[in-house]
Protein backbone atom coordinates (compact mmCIF):
# COMPACT_ATOMS: atom_id res chain seq x y z
CA MET A 1 -0.09 -0.06 0.04
CA PRO A 2 1.29 3.65 -0.60
CA LEU A 3 2.50 5.53 2.25
CA THR A 4 2.34 9.26 2.45
CA GLY A 5 5.25 9.96 4.76
CA GLU A 6 7.70 9.18 7.57
CA LYS A 7 5.05 9.24 10.21
CA GLU A 8 3.32 6.10 9.12
CA LEU A 9 6.63 4.45 8.36
CA LYS A 10 7.86 5.46 11.84
CA LYS A 11 5.09 3.73 13.57
CA MET A 12 5.80 0.40 11.49
CA ILE A 13 9.30 -0.11 12.30
CA LYS A 14 9.83 -2.51 15.24
CA PRO A 15 12.16 -5.26 15.78
CA GLY A 16 11.55 -8.09 13.35
CA ILE A 17 9.70 -6.06 10.67
CA THR A 18 9.23 -7.56 7.36
CA GLY A 19 7.82 -6.81 4.07
CA ALA A 20 8.79 -5.10 0.77
CA PHE A 21 9.75 -1.09 1.05
CA LEU A 22 10.55 1.21 -1.59
CA LEU A 23 11.97 4.36 -0.15
CA TYR A 24 12.51 7.24 -2.50
CA GLY A 25 12.11 11.12 -2.87
CA SER A 26 13.94 14.41 -2.83
CA GLU A 27 15.04 14.38 0.88
CA LYS A 28 17.63 11.86 0.45
CA TYR A 29 18.70 12.37 4.14
CA LEU A 30 15.44 10.90 5.34
CA VAL A 31 15.60 8.12 2.67
CA LYS A 32 18.97 7.05 4.15
CA HIS A 33 17.88 7.42 7.73
CA TYR A 34 14.70 5.12 7.36
CA CYS A 35 16.45 2.75 5.31
CA THR A 36 19.08 2.33 8.27
CA LYS A 37 16.18 2.06 10.64
CA LEU A 38 14.41 -0.71 8.75
CA THR A 39 17.67 -2.75 8.06
CA GLU A 40 18.63 -2.42 12.00
CA ALA A 41 15.08 -3.41 12.91
CA ALA A 42 14.94 -6.49 10.51
CA VAL A 43 18.33 -7.96 11.24
CA ASP A 44 19.93 -9.16 14.65
CA GLU A 45 23.17 -7.37 14.55
CA ALA A 46 24.99 -10.70 16.19
CA PHE A 47 24.26 -12.57 12.84
CA ALA A 48 24.08 -9.71 10.34
CA ASP A 49 26.80 -11.40 8.29
CA PHE A 50 24.46 -14.25 7.51
CA ASN A 51 21.39 -12.49 7.33
CA PHE A 52 21.95 -8.91 5.73
CA THR A 53 22.52 -8.80 1.84
CA VAL A 54 23.27 -5.57 0.25
CA PHE A 55 23.27 -5.23 -3.72
CA GLU A 56 24.61 -1.99 -5.38
CA GLY A 57 26.15 -0.89 -8.54
CA ASP A 58 25.67 -2.55 -11.80
CA GLY A 59 27.14 -5.98 -11.03
CA TYR A 60 24.00 -8.03 -9.99
CA THR A 61 20.84 -9.18 -11.51
CA LEU A 62 17.17 -9.35 -10.33
CA ASP A 63 17.50 -13.25 -10.25
CA GLU A 64 20.34 -12.80 -7.62
CA VAL A 65 18.03 -10.35 -5.42
CA TYR A 66 15.31 -13.06 -5.71
CA ASP A 67 17.46 -15.83 -4.46
CA ALA A 68 18.82 -13.68 -1.58
CA CYS A 69 15.25 -13.07 -0.55
CA LEU A 70 14.57 -16.60 -0.63
CA ALA A 71 17.13 -17.79 1.43
CA VAL A 72 16.49 -18.86 4.91
CA PRO A 73 17.58 -16.88 7.85
CA VAL A 74 20.43 -18.38 9.87
CA MET A 75 19.98 -18.52 13.62
CA ALA A 76 17.34 -15.55 13.58
CA GLU A 77 13.73 -15.21 12.75
CA THR A 78 14.05 -12.32 9.96
CA LYS A 79 16.52 -11.29 7.56
CA CYS A 80 17.11 -8.34 5.35
CA VAL A 81 17.81 -7.73 1.58
CA LEU A 82 18.74 -4.14 0.80
CA VAL A 83 18.89 -3.01 -2.94
CA LYS A 84 20.53 0.40 -3.55
CA ASP A 85 19.71 2.57 -6.47
CA TYR A 86 18.54 -0.05 -8.79
CA ASN A 87 18.45 1.34 -12.24
CA THR A 88 14.73 1.53 -13.54
CA ASP A 89 15.54 3.80 -16.43
CA THR A 90 16.34 0.92 -18.65
CA MET A 91 14.05 -1.80 -17.05
CA THR A 92 12.56 -4.17 -19.63
CA GLU A 93 9.21 -5.66 -19.41
CA SER A 94 10.85 -8.95 -18.45
CA GLU A 95 12.73 -7.23 -15.63
CA LEU A 96 9.55 -5.59 -14.42
CA SER A 97 7.90 -9.05 -14.59
CA ALA A 98 10.93 -10.39 -12.36
CA LEU A 99 10.39 -7.65 -9.99
CA GLU A 100 6.87 -8.37 -9.59
CA THR A 101 7.82 -12.03 -8.82
CA ILE A 102 10.06 -11.00 -6.31
CA LEU A 103 7.60 -8.87 -4.41
CA LYS A 104 5.05 -11.24 -4.81
CA GLU A 105 6.88 -14.20 -3.65
CA ASN A 106 8.91 -12.40 -0.74
CA PRO A 107 8.89 -14.68 2.21
CA GLU A 108 7.26 -13.64 5.49
CA GLU A 109 10.64 -13.65 7.18
CA CYS A 110 12.28 -11.28 4.74
CA CYS A 111 12.55 -7.46 4.85
CA LEU A 112 13.34 -6.33 1.48
CA VAL A 113 14.21 -2.72 1.04
CA PHE A 114 14.67 -0.78 -2.42
CA SER A 115 16.36 2.48 -1.56
CA TYR A 116 17.04 5.51 -3.81
CA SER A 117 19.42 7.78 -1.69
CA ALA A 118 22.03 8.72 -4.30
CA SER A 119 20.09 8.90 -7.33
CA GLU A 120 16.60 10.18 -8.72
CA PRO A 121 15.08 7.45 -11.10
CA LYS A 122 13.28 8.74 -14.17
CA GLU A 123 9.36 8.68 -13.88
CA LYS A 124 8.36 6.24 -16.48
CA ASN A 125 9.59 3.05 -15.58
CA PHE A 126 9.93 4.06 -11.94
CA LYS A 127 6.40 4.66 -11.73
CA LYS A 128 5.75 1.09 -12.82
CA ALA A 129 7.97 -0.21 -10.27
CA ALA A 130 6.41 2.04 -7.40
CA LYS A 131 3.04 0.70 -8.31
CA LEU A 132 4.15 -2.98 -7.69
CA PHE A 133 5.35 -2.05 -4.27
CA GLU A 134 2.08 -0.26 -3.58
CA ILE A 135 0.30 -3.95 -4.42
CA TYR A 136 2.83 -6.04 -2.68
CA GLY A 137 4.49 -4.01 -0.18
CA TYR A 138 4.83 -0.24 0.72
CA SER A 139 6.04 2.76 -1.21
CA VAL A 140 7.35 5.70 0.80
CA ASP A 141 7.90 9.14 -0.67
CA PHE A 142 10.11 11.58 1.19
CA PRO A 143 9.49 15.09 -0.53
CA SER A 144 11.50 18.21 0.19
CA LEU A 145 10.40 19.43 3.48
CA SER A 146 9.17 23.09 4.11
CA LEU A 147 10.99 25.71 5.93
CA SER A 148 8.84 25.13 8.92
CA ASP A 149 9.45 21.39 9.01
CA LEU A 150 13.18 22.20 8.53
CA SER A 151 13.30 24.55 11.28
CA SER A 152 11.63 22.30 13.70
CA ILE A 153 14.11 19.65 12.88
CA ALA A 154 16.80 22.08 13.47
CA GLU A 155 15.45 23.15 17.07
CA ARG A 156 15.15 19.71 18.11
CA GLY A 157 18.54 18.90 16.82
CA ALA A 158 20.03 21.85 18.78
CA LYS A 159 17.88 20.67 21.77
CA SER A 160 19.69 17.42 21.90
CA ARG A 161 22.96 18.75 21.76
CA GLY A 162 21.98 21.18 24.92
CA LYS A 163 21.17 24.31 23.02
CA SER A 164 18.31 26.29 21.94
CA PHE A 165 17.63 28.86 19.29
CA ALA A 166 16.51 32.52 19.78
CA PRO A 167 13.27 33.43 18.14
CA GLY A 168 13.42 33.30 14.39
CA ALA A 169 17.01 32.02 14.49
CA ALA A 170 16.21 28.20 13.33
CA SER A 171 14.44 29.61 10.31
CA HIS A 172 17.36 31.90 9.64
CA MET A 173 19.91 29.01 10.08
CA VAL A 174 17.99 26.71 7.24
CA ASP A 175 17.55 29.87 4.98
CA SER A 176 21.20 30.46 5.31
CA VAL A 177 22.79 26.86 4.76
CA GLY A 178 20.20 25.62 2.56
CA TYR A 179 17.22 23.08 2.62
CA ASP A 180 19.41 19.87 2.73
CA LEU A 181 19.15 18.04 5.94
CA ASN A 182 22.91 16.73 5.67
CA MET A 183 24.18 20.25 5.47
CA ILE A 184 21.87 21.40 8.25
CA SER A 185 22.96 18.68 10.51
CA ASN A 186 26.64 19.27 9.77
CA GLU A 187 26.29 22.96 10.50
CA LEU A 188 24.39 22.48 13.52
CA ASP A 189 27.29 20.30 14.80
CA LYS A 190 29.58 23.30 14.07
CA LEU A 191 27.34 25.87 15.31
CA CYS A 192 26.65 24.29 18.82
CA ALA A 193 30.41 23.71 19.30
CA TYR A 194 31.04 27.35 18.64
CA VAL A 195 28.29 28.83 20.76
CA SER A 196 29.54 29.30 24.42
CA GLY A 197 26.08 30.07 26.03
CA ASP A 198 22.78 28.05 25.73
CA VAL A 199 21.15 30.30 23.11
CA ILE A 200 21.94 30.37 19.61
CA LYS A 201 21.37 33.68 17.81
CA LYS A 202 21.19 35.12 14.40
CA ALA A 203 24.64 36.63 14.84
CA ASP A 204 26.27 33.26 15.72
CA ILE A 205 24.65 31.72 12.44
CA ASP A 206 26.13 34.61 10.49
CA ALA A 207 29.54 34.25 12.16
CA ILE A 208 30.10 30.57 11.61
CA CYS A 209 27.64 28.71 9.08
CA ILE A 210 28.57 28.45 5.58
CA LYS A 211 25.98 30.04 3.16
CA THR A 212 24.87 28.46 0.08
CA LEU A 213 25.66 30.15 -3.11
CA GLU A 214 21.99 30.67 -3.85
CA THR A 215 21.35 32.42 -0.23
CA LYS A 216 24.59 34.59 -0.73
CA VAL A 217 23.25 35.83 -4.13
CA PHE A 218 19.69 36.36 -2.92
CA ASP A 219 21.29 38.52 -0.16
CA MET A 220 22.97 40.37 -3.03
CA ILE A 221 19.60 40.86 -4.62
CA LYS A 222 17.93 42.12 -1.64
CA ASP A 223 20.66 44.83 -1.67
CA LEU A 224 20.00 45.73 -5.24
CA VAL A 225 16.34 45.86 -5.03
CA SER A 226 16.63 48.07 -1.74
CA GLY A 227 19.20 50.43 -3.40
CA ARG A 228 22.17 49.32 -1.50
CA ILE A 229 24.39 48.97 -4.29
CA ASP A 230 27.63 49.13 -2.36
CA ASP A 231 26.59 46.25 -0.17
CA ALA A 232 25.84 44.30 -3.23
CA PHE A 233 29.26 45.02 -4.61
CA HIS A 234 30.89 43.85 -1.28
CA LYS A 235 29.04 40.60 -1.54
CA LEU A 236 29.94 40.13 -5.15
CA SER A 237 33.82 40.57 -4.17
CA TYR A 238 33.48 38.28 -1.55
CA LEU A 239 32.08 35.57 -4.10
CA PHE A 240 34.94 36.07 -6.12
CA GLU A 241 37.38 35.86 -3.09
CA GLN A 242 35.72 32.50 -2.51
CA ARG A 243 36.68 31.48 -6.14
CA ASN A 244 32.96 31.03 -7.13
CA GLU A 245 32.79 30.63 -11.00
CA PRO A 246 31.20 33.63 -12.60
CA THR A 247 28.96 31.46 -14.66
CA MET A 248 27.58 29.88 -11.49
CA ILE A 249 27.12 33.22 -9.80
CA LEU A 250 25.30 34.50 -12.94
CA GLY A 251 23.31 31.38 -12.97
CA ALA A 252 22.09 31.91 -9.46
CA LEU A 253 21.26 35.40 -10.35
CA VAL A 254 19.05 34.09 -13.46
CA SER A 255 17.35 31.55 -11.26
CA GLN A 256 16.25 33.83 -8.71
CA TYR A 257 15.37 36.77 -10.84
CA SER A 258 13.16 34.26 -12.92
CA ASP A 259 11.47 33.20 -9.62
CA MET A 260 10.82 36.75 -8.98
CA TYR A 261 9.47 37.42 -12.45
CA ARG A 262 7.18 34.76 -12.33
CA CYS A 263 5.73 35.60 -8.87
CA LYS A 264 5.43 39.33 -10.16
CA ALA A 265 3.70 38.25 -13.44
CA LEU A 266 1.17 36.12 -11.60
CA LYS A 267 0.25 38.81 -9.04
CA GLU A 268 -0.13 41.09 -12.23
CA ALA A 269 -2.65 38.77 -13.44
CA GLY A 270 -4.51 38.52 -10.24
CA LYS A 271 -3.26 34.86 -9.26
CA SER A 272 -1.62 33.61 -6.10
CA ASN A 273 1.73 32.04 -5.22
CA ALA A 274 -0.24 28.69 -4.88
CA ASP A 275 -1.14 29.13 -8.67
CA LEU A 276 2.66 29.20 -9.46
CA MET A 277 3.10 25.64 -8.35
CA GLU A 278 0.26 24.53 -10.51
CA TYR A 279 2.03 26.35 -13.60
CA TYR A 280 5.47 25.25 -12.63
CA PRO A 281 5.38 21.76 -10.73
CA ALA A 282 8.82 21.87 -9.97
CA TYR A 283 8.03 24.58 -7.32
CA LYS A 284 6.03 22.08 -5.35
CA LYS A 285 9.40 20.65 -3.98
CA ALA A 286 10.77 24.10 -3.36
CA ALA A 287 7.71 26.00 -2.11
CA PHE A 288 9.84 27.95 0.33
CA LYS A 289 11.53 29.94 -2.48
CA ILE A 290 8.29 31.33 -3.72
CA ASP A 291 7.42 33.61 -0.53
CA LYS A 292 11.24 34.96 -0.81
CA ALA A 293 10.97 35.64 -4.54
CA ALA A 294 7.63 37.50 -4.17
CA LYS A 295 8.72 39.74 -1.42
CA ALA A 296 11.84 40.65 -3.23
CA ALA A 297 9.77 41.18 -6.65
CA SER A 298 7.14 43.59 -4.93
CA LYS A 299 10.09 46.33 -4.63
CA LEU A 300 10.12 46.18 -8.43
CA THR A 301 7.69 47.18 -11.07
CA MET A 302 6.70 44.75 -14.03
CA LYS A 303 8.60 47.19 -16.28
CA GLN A 304 11.70 46.95 -14.28
CA MET A 305 11.31 43.20 -13.91
CA ARG A 306 11.27 42.70 -17.58
CA MET A 307 14.38 45.04 -17.98
CA CYS A 308 16.35 42.91 -15.43
CA ILE A 309 15.56 39.73 -17.29
CA GLU A 310 16.83 41.42 -20.51
CA ILE A 311 19.93 42.54 -18.68
CA LEU A 312 20.61 39.21 -17.53
CA ALA A 313 19.99 37.55 -20.90
CA GLU A 314 22.64 39.98 -22.24
CA ALA A 315 25.16 39.23 -19.31
CA ASP A 316 24.96 35.56 -20.21
CA LEU A 317 25.77 35.91 -23.68
CA ALA A 318 28.63 38.29 -22.85
CA LEU A 319 29.94 35.72 -20.44
CA LYS A 320 29.79 32.86 -23.00
CA ARG A 321 31.61 35.17 -25.66
CA SER A 322 34.31 36.21 -23.16
CA SER A 323 36.70 34.55 -20.85
CA ASN A 324 38.97 37.25 -19.84
CA ASN A 325 36.84 40.08 -18.24
CA GLN A 326 34.03 37.99 -16.58
CA ARG A 327 34.35 39.73 -13.44
CA GLU A 328 34.07 43.17 -15.02
CA ILE A 329 30.85 41.75 -16.96
CA LEU A 330 29.18 40.75 -13.77
CA GLU A 331 30.14 44.02 -12.03
CA LYS A 332 28.66 45.89 -14.96
CA THR A 333 25.40 43.72 -14.78
CA LEU A 334 25.05 44.58 -11.09
CA VAL A 335 25.08 48.23 -11.65
CA ARG A 336 22.66 47.73 -14.41
CA LEU A 337 20.48 45.84 -12.45
CA ALA A 338 20.53 48.38 -9.54
CA LEU A 339 19.72 51.26 -11.87
CA SER A 340 17.01 49.51 -13.94
CA ASP A 341 14.41 51.91 -12.60
CA ARG A 342 16.31 54.89 -14.05
CA ASN A 343 16.64 53.57 -17.77
């Protein structure tokens, strides 16, 4: 049967768990986490050498997976077979049939886990495979978490480390370091070691946490739309000092101005941010970006937004044509973006 999220799976995981599970989704940290939880619950650690089989890479067949599932547990009541990132992109009808046989005949004492923690399978064949898990086992999708969810996770993480966040600081941290749980966990370790007191403040986050390029560029955009061009140039200089590629910087600018343009266009048309996710389904996995983009876009007119998009298109062409003065191109682009309302 299909599962809607981690809460249902979490309730199911108990010692001796068996069945067939498909774990996938954008939030790879949770895919890895629950894959580990399942395998630990299914296998007695003392006999893991006999009862835990892992398949990964390209050097195995579904027939081998089938044989591993049918093998009798040794000195234990249950066993586990883990298949990592099986390639469904090139799956044939015979292989799909073989997968159905594996799931249909999976013994009661076997916990079979197909986990996608390192890859994002293409939709067509993967959907067929997922349907089989829904029929014969459990299909669990871990979509990208919201800013609110990630902030709550960060707060719980800080509490487990003997710290707490000042009001608004947890969301500030997530917004700064990015929406990847692996990154949040790593930065939280560093942050908690850095803070001498019990409370983590925004200033602590700014002092020690590594911001993503996307966050740094958006900070630069906020300066531009607010008329703080000197601050924007300081941030651009810092990006160059950190050896960020000019094409990557421009790419982040283009991406975020595109988000802003779409938000502005929908508002002009009397639509809401929710409508944007219907027109552009990719935003459903990154809904947190929309509010930020809409807020920044509110400081510009539609005419200015169009002009900014044109400026960025010209900068993209200029960067592709030149490899010598790319920093100068970006600096001129920033000036033109800042002065777009005067042109």
